[in-house]
Amino acid sequence: MHITMKLIILFCLVLLVSVSEQIPQYVNCTGEKPAIKNEASSCIQVTCNKPGDYIILICPLIRCQPDKIEVRIPGDLSKEYPGCCDELICI
């Protein structure tokens, strides 16, 4: 089987397995958590420093070199950040 066909099949299988809600990861957040827009669908990490002061990390936006083919593998949306982030394979 050709490598491209294998990658397409792998991509489809991973896509089927990863259909679920993303869960934000909270670090050092006690009591009431900060209000995050679209929280239920966000693959993010929220680090609370003090009330009203927090840092939000999102999945990186990465690209392959122009001469490479990009194959994105969807992250596991049932996992917390960074497990819910997509992976990129450059061929």
Protein backbone atom coordinates (compact mmCIF):
# COMPACT_ATOMS: atom_id res chain seq x y z
CA MET A 1 0.00 0.00 0.00
CA HIS A 2 1.36 3.41 -0.95
CA ILE A 3 2.54 5.69 1.92
CA THR A 4 0.04 8.41 0.96
CA MET A 5 -2.87 5.97 1.20
CA LYS A 6 -1.63 4.78 4.60
CA LEU A 7 -1.47 8.36 5.87
CA ILE A 8 -4.98 9.10 4.59
CA ILE A 9 -6.34 6.01 6.35
CA LEU A 10 -4.47 6.92 9.55
CA PHE A 11 -5.83 10.47 9.38
CA CYS A 12 -9.42 9.21 8.96
CA LEU A 13 -9.10 6.80 11.88
CA VAL A 14 -7.70 9.47 14.17
CA LEU A 15 -10.45 11.88 13.11
CA LEU A 16 -13.15 9.34 13.97
CA VAL A 17 -11.65 8.61 17.40
CA SER A 18 -11.26 12.27 18.36
CA VAL A 19 -14.89 13.43 18.09
CA SER A 20 -15.76 14.87 21.52
CA GLU A 21 -15.63 18.06 23.62
CA GLN A 22 -12.36 19.76 24.41
CA ILE A 23 -11.63 20.32 28.09
CA PRO A 24 -9.78 23.48 29.17
CA GLN A 25 -6.95 22.84 31.62
CA TYR A 26 -6.86 25.10 34.68
CA VAL A 27 -3.62 25.58 36.64
CA ASN A 28 -3.52 27.24 40.10
CA CYS A 29 -7.17 28.29 39.75
CA THR A 30 -9.00 27.98 43.04
CA GLY A 31 -12.60 28.90 43.71
CA GLU A 32 -14.34 30.61 40.82
CA LYS A 33 -12.55 30.04 37.52
CA PRO A 34 -12.11 32.89 35.03
CA ALA A 35 -14.90 33.26 32.47
CA ILE A 36 -13.54 32.09 29.12
CA LYS A 37 -15.55 32.65 25.95
CA ASN A 38 -16.45 29.33 24.27
CA GLU A 39 -14.83 27.45 27.16
CA ALA A 40 -16.44 24.09 26.32
CA SER A 41 -14.92 24.10 22.84
CA SER A 42 -11.50 25.46 23.77
CA CYS A 43 -8.27 23.48 23.74
CA ILE A 44 -6.50 25.85 26.12
CA GLN A 45 -4.55 26.03 29.35
CA VAL A 46 -5.51 28.77 31.82
CA THR A 47 -2.95 29.59 34.51
CA CYS A 48 -4.30 31.75 37.33
CA ASN A 49 -1.77 34.06 39.00
CA LYS A 50 -4.13 36.07 41.22
CA PRO A 51 -7.77 37.18 40.94
CA GLY A 52 -8.27 38.81 37.54
CA ASP A 53 -4.72 37.94 36.39
CA TYR A 54 -4.31 34.84 34.27
CA ILE A 55 -2.42 33.52 31.26
CA ILE A 56 -4.07 31.55 28.45
CA LEU A 57 -2.06 29.19 26.24
CA ILE A 58 -3.54 27.95 22.96
CA CYS A 59 -2.41 25.29 20.52
CA PRO A 60 0.48 26.42 18.33
CA LEU A 61 -0.17 27.33 14.71
CA ILE A 62 2.58 25.51 12.87
CA ARG A 63 3.30 24.94 9.18
CA CYS A 64 5.66 22.77 7.18
CA GLN A 65 8.33 24.09 4.87
CA PRO A 66 6.88 25.00 1.45
CA ASP A 67 8.41 21.94 -0.26
CA LYS A 68 6.79 19.50 2.23
CA ILE A 69 3.31 17.98 2.35
CA GLU A 70 1.35 18.69 5.53
CA VAL A 71 -0.62 15.93 7.24
CA ARG A 72 -2.59 17.10 10.28
CA ILE A 73 -3.56 14.59 12.94
CA PRO A 74 -6.41 15.93 15.07
CA GLY A 75 -5.72 16.07 18.79
CA ASP A 76 -7.67 13.94 21.24
CA LEU A 77 -10.47 16.34 22.12
CA SER A 78 -11.29 14.36 25.26
CA LYS A 79 -7.89 15.31 26.74
CA GLU A 80 -6.71 18.49 28.39
CA TYR A 81 -4.22 20.88 26.81
CA PRO A 82 -1.84 20.08 25.11
CA GLY A 83 -3.23 16.58 24.38
CA CYS A 84 -6.18 18.12 22.54
CA CYS A 85 -3.92 20.02 20.12
CA ASP A 86 -3.49 18.81 16.54
CA GLU A 87 -0.18 17.30 15.48
CA LEU A 88 1.51 18.05 12.20
CA ILE A 89 3.57 15.63 10.12
CA CYS A 90 5.72 17.10 7.34
CA ILE A 91 6.44 14.65 4.52
